[in-house]
Protein backbone atom coordinates (compact mmCIF):
# COMPACT_ATOMS: atom_id res chain seq x y z
CA ASP A 1 -5.89 0.76 11.46
CA VAL A 2 -3.73 1.16 8.34
CA CYS A 3 -4.13 3.66 5.46
CA LEU A 4 -3.53 2.23 1.97
CA LEU A 5 -2.32 3.84 -1.27
CA PRO A 6 -2.47 0.96 -3.82
CA TYR A 7 -1.94 3.16 -6.89
CA LYS A 8 -0.46 1.73 -10.10
CA PRO A 9 3.08 3.22 -10.32
CA GLU A 10 3.06 3.28 -14.12
CA VAL A 11 0.05 5.63 -14.23
CA THR A 12 0.80 7.71 -11.12
CA PRO A 13 3.58 10.19 -12.02
CA VAL A 14 2.71 12.59 -9.19
CA GLU A 15 2.22 12.24 -5.45
CA PRO A 16 -1.37 11.41 -4.46
CA THR A 17 -2.61 14.31 -2.31
CA LYS A 18 -4.47 11.73 -0.23
CA ILE A 19 -1.19 10.90 1.49
CA TYR A 20 -1.36 14.15 3.46
CA ASP A 21 -4.85 13.26 4.67
CA TYR A 22 -3.50 9.91 5.82
CA LEU A 23 -0.41 11.39 7.50
CA ALA A 24 -2.64 13.85 9.37
CA THR A 25 -4.35 10.93 11.11
CA GLY A 26 -1.00 9.70 12.42
CA LYS A 27 -1.86 6.14 11.37
CA PRO A 28 0.57 3.85 9.51
CA VAL A 29 0.52 4.23 5.72
CA VAL A 30 1.37 1.58 3.11
CA SER A 31 1.92 2.61 -0.50
CA THR A 32 3.00 1.14 -3.80
CA ASN A 33 6.32 2.45 -5.08
CA CYS A 34 5.13 5.40 -7.16
CA VAL A 35 7.63 7.96 -8.49
CA GLU A 36 7.05 10.62 -5.84
CA MET A 37 6.66 8.35 -2.81
CA GLY A 38 10.38 7.93 -2.07
CA LYS A 39 10.50 11.23 -0.18
CA PHE A 40 8.08 9.76 2.38
CA LYS A 41 10.16 6.61 3.05
CA ASP A 42 10.92 7.68 6.64
CA TYR A 43 7.20 8.00 7.42
CA ILE A 44 5.45 5.23 5.46
CA GLU A 45 5.94 1.68 4.21
CA ILE A 46 6.63 1.40 0.46
CA ALA A 47 6.07 -1.87 -1.41
CA ASN A 48 7.42 -2.92 -4.82
CA ASN A 49 5.03 -5.81 -5.40
CA SER A 50 1.88 -7.44 -4.01
CA GLU A 51 3.78 -9.70 -1.60
CA GLU A 52 5.69 -6.77 -0.12
CA PHE A 53 2.44 -4.82 0.12
CA ILE A 54 0.73 -7.55 2.15
CA ASN A 55 3.76 -7.91 4.43
CA ALA A 56 3.90 -4.15 4.95
CA VAL A 57 0.23 -4.07 5.93
CA GLU A 58 0.70 -6.89 8.43
CA LYS A 59 3.75 -5.14 9.89
CA SER A 60 1.91 -1.81 10.13
CA ILE A 61 -1.06 -3.35 11.94
CA LYS A 62 1.29 -4.35 14.74
CA GLU A 63 2.95 -0.92 14.96
CA ASN A 64 2.84 0.67 18.41
CA ASP A 65 5.18 3.66 18.27
CA PRO A 66 3.77 7.04 19.41
CA SER A 67 6.83 8.87 18.05
CA LYS A 68 6.06 7.68 14.51
CA MET A 69 2.49 8.88 14.85
CA GLU A 70 3.69 12.30 16.01
CA SER A 71 6.19 12.59 13.15
CA ARG A 72 3.50 11.83 10.55
CA ILE A 73 1.13 14.43 11.99
CA LYS A 74 3.95 16.99 12.11
CA LEU A 75 4.81 16.37 8.45
CA ALA A 76 1.16 16.77 7.44
CA ASN A 77 0.91 20.08 9.32
CA GLU A 78 4.07 21.35 7.64
CA SER A 79 2.54 20.49 4.26
CA SER A 80 -0.85 22.14 4.75
CA TRP A 81 -2.32 24.19 1.91
CA GLN A 82 -1.97 27.35 3.99
CA LYS A 83 1.75 26.63 4.38
CA ARG A 84 2.06 25.99 0.66
CA ALA A 85 0.20 29.18 -0.16
CA GLU A 86 2.57 31.11 2.11
CA GLN A 87 5.54 29.53 0.31
CA ILE A 88 4.10 30.43 -3.08
CA ILE A 89 3.49 34.03 -2.03
CA GLU A 90 7.02 34.24 -0.65
CA THR A 91 8.42 32.90 -3.92
CA LEU A 92 6.28 35.25 -5.98
CA ASN A 93 7.39 38.24 -3.93
CA LYS A 94 11.03 37.25 -4.36
CA THR A 95 10.86 36.78 -8.11
CA ILE A 96 8.31 39.37 -9.15
CA LYS A 97 8.55 43.06 -8.41
CA ILE A 98 5.03 44.28 -7.69
CA GLN A 99 4.31 47.35 -9.81
CA GLU A 100 1.39 49.68 -10.13
CA ASP A 101 0.63 47.99 -13.45
CA MET A 102 -2.23 45.52 -12.86
CA LYS A 103 -0.56 42.94 -15.13
CA SER A 104 1.90 41.90 -12.44
CA LYS A 105 -0.90 41.38 -9.92
CA ASN A 106 -3.17 39.13 -12.00
CA ILE A 107 -2.87 35.38 -11.39
CA LEU A 108 -4.50 32.62 -13.42
CA VAL A 109 -4.99 29.29 -11.59
CA ILE A 110 -5.57 26.23 -13.78
CA PRO A 111 -6.72 23.35 -11.53
CA HIS A 112 -6.07 19.70 -12.27
CA ILE A 113 -9.79 18.90 -12.41
CA SER A 114 -12.44 21.59 -12.30
CA GLY A 115 -16.08 22.41 -12.78
CA GLU A 116 -17.92 24.43 -10.16
CA LYS A 117 -19.70 21.39 -8.67
CA VAL A 118 -16.52 19.33 -8.38
CA ILE A 119 -13.86 21.94 -7.60
CA ARG A 120 -11.04 20.45 -5.55
CA VAL A 121 -11.23 21.94 -2.08
CA ARG A 122 -7.49 22.35 -1.65
CA GLU A 123 -6.94 24.10 -4.97
CA MET A 124 -9.82 26.44 -4.20
CA GLU A 125 -8.37 27.19 -0.75
CA LEU A 126 -5.05 28.02 -2.38
CA ALA A 127 -6.75 30.36 -4.87
CA GLN A 128 -8.69 32.11 -2.10
CA TYR A 129 -5.56 32.54 0.01
CA LEU A 130 -3.74 34.22 -2.89
CA THR A 131 -6.50 36.83 -3.19
CA CYS A 132 -4.99 38.67 -0.22
CA ARG A 133 -2.23 39.90 -2.56
CA TYR A 134 -3.38 39.26 -6.11
CA ASN A 135 -6.36 39.31 -8.46
CA VAL A 136 -7.02 35.59 -8.88
CA TYR A 137 -8.73 34.00 -11.90
CA TYR A 138 -9.74 30.32 -11.74
CA ILE A 139 -10.62 28.27 -14.82
CA THR A 140 -13.62 25.93 -14.67
CA TRP A 141 -14.93 23.40 -17.18
CA ALA A 142 -17.48 20.62 -17.32
CA VAL A 143 -16.46 17.35 -15.62
CA ASP A 144 -18.23 14.01 -15.47
CA TYR A 145 -16.96 11.13 -13.32
CA SER A 146 -19.47 8.52 -14.48
CA ALA A 147 -18.56 5.70 -16.84
CA SER A 148 -21.31 6.80 -19.21
CA LEU A 149 -19.93 7.63 -22.64
CA PHE A 150 -23.03 9.73 -23.28
CA ASN A 151 -22.40 11.92 -20.20
CA ARG A 152 -18.74 12.39 -21.10
CA LEU A 153 -19.67 13.34 -24.65
CA LYS A 154 -22.28 15.75 -23.29
CA CYS A 155 -19.65 17.49 -21.13
CA SER A 156 -17.26 17.72 -24.08
CA VAL A 157 -19.90 19.26 -26.34
CA LYS A 158 -20.93 21.65 -23.57
CA ASP A 159 -17.36 22.90 -23.23
CA ILE A 160 -16.57 23.24 -26.91
CA LEU A 161 -19.72 25.37 -27.34
CA ARG A 162 -19.14 27.34 -24.14
CA LYS A 163 -19.13 31.12 -24.49
CA GLU A 164 -16.53 33.16 -22.62
CA LYS A 165 -17.80 34.24 -19.22
CA THR A 166 -16.40 35.42 -15.87
CA TYR A 167 -18.13 35.65 -12.50
CA LYS A 168 -16.88 36.35 -9.00
CA LYS A 169 -17.30 34.32 -5.80
CA SER A 170 -15.39 34.73 -2.51
CA ASP A 171 -12.92 37.19 -4.11
CA VAL A 172 -11.98 34.64 -6.81
CA THR A 173 -12.97 35.35 -10.41
CA PHE A 174 -14.14 32.17 -12.16
CA VAL A 175 -13.41 31.88 -15.86
CA GLU A 176 -15.23 29.90 -18.54
CA PHE A 177 -14.34 29.68 -22.22
CA SER A 178 -14.48 27.16 -25.04
CA ASN A 179 -12.13 24.22 -24.50
CA LEU A 180 -11.68 20.67 -25.71
CA HIS A 181 -11.32 17.42 -23.69
CA ARG A 182 -10.37 14.76 -26.25
CA PRO A 183 -8.57 13.64 -28.34
CA LEU A 184 -5.70 14.75 -26.13
CA LYS A 185 -3.27 16.00 -28.80
CA LEU A 186 -5.96 18.06 -30.50
CA ALA A 187 -7.22 19.26 -27.10
CA LYS A 188 -3.75 20.50 -26.12
CA TRP A 189 -3.39 22.41 -29.39
CA TYR A 190 -6.87 23.93 -29.22
CA ASN A 191 -6.75 24.80 -25.52
CA LYS A 192 -3.30 26.35 -25.82
CA ARG A 193 -4.56 28.75 -28.49
CA GLN A 194 -7.62 29.61 -26.41
CA ILE A 195 -5.78 30.18 -23.14
CA ILE A 196 -2.90 32.19 -24.60
CA ARG A 197 -5.45 34.49 -26.24
CA TRP A 198 -7.27 34.86 -22.91
CA ILE A 199 -4.04 35.50 -20.95
CA LYS A 200 -3.00 38.30 -23.31
CA LYS A 201 -6.47 39.82 -23.33
CA ASN A 202 -6.66 39.93 -19.52
CA LYS A 203 -3.00 40.91 -18.91
CA ILE A 204 -2.19 37.93 -16.69
CA GLY A 205 1.18 38.27 -14.95
CA ILE A 206 1.43 34.83 -13.30
CA VAL A 207 0.12 31.38 -14.33
CA LEU A 208 -0.15 28.48 -11.85
CA ASN A 209 -0.89 25.34 -13.88
CA SER A 210 -1.94 21.96 -12.41
CA SER A 211 -3.44 20.60 -15.63
CA LEU A 212 -0.53 19.94 -17.99
CA HIS A 213 -2.47 17.14 -19.72
CA ASN A 214 -5.18 19.55 -20.94
CA PHE A 215 -3.52 22.96 -20.90
CA SER A 216 -0.01 22.85 -22.30
CA ILE A 217 1.15 26.44 -22.01
CA PRO A 218 4.45 27.57 -23.56
CA ARG A 219 6.81 29.75 -21.53
CA SER A 220 6.50 33.43 -22.35
CA LYS A 221 8.23 36.68 -21.42
CA ASP A 222 4.75 38.16 -21.00
CA PHE A 223 4.00 36.21 -17.78
CA LYS A 224 5.68 34.16 -15.04
CA TYR A 225 4.90 30.44 -15.21
């Protein structure tokens, strides 16, 4: 009856993409007061503490307003990944003059969390949509969601020893190369060196980065960021 987003505000600096799934149902949504949630205040209930959260849930259960349901669904449709891809392409076309040089047509997508078995559907849809205009490269790495320290260590070792490789699926070129997970400061330094080398080698013209915690890429005149 009510969709809940009980995220901890202090560790949620970005909007949870789950909110769009919830809005698409048209059902009432109750969220904690995370940084990015204020822009949804006209569509959802936002709570600052546990008491407010409980009260908001009780209030939402009693909601019976078809117009609110319609407005949530409309917002979700306007925020679909196809719409976002169209906006990105429009922005790219405004800011980048497409030349015969392949450099300006090569895009590197760095997802927030990757690995071929756990690729986020929405990020993959965005990458595939961009292939209609650009040559799209998509970074993958080993990911383990279990609490097992052994499995996490195994993924880290697998990635640090990974040899550079590319392979193509559904018009998207997947990219693998050696990268580091932890410790974070060392990982950022190591991964930045690796990815800048790869970008220059493959003449990437545009970088779309969703993984700032692992791939801290400096601005460069050689590519749009």
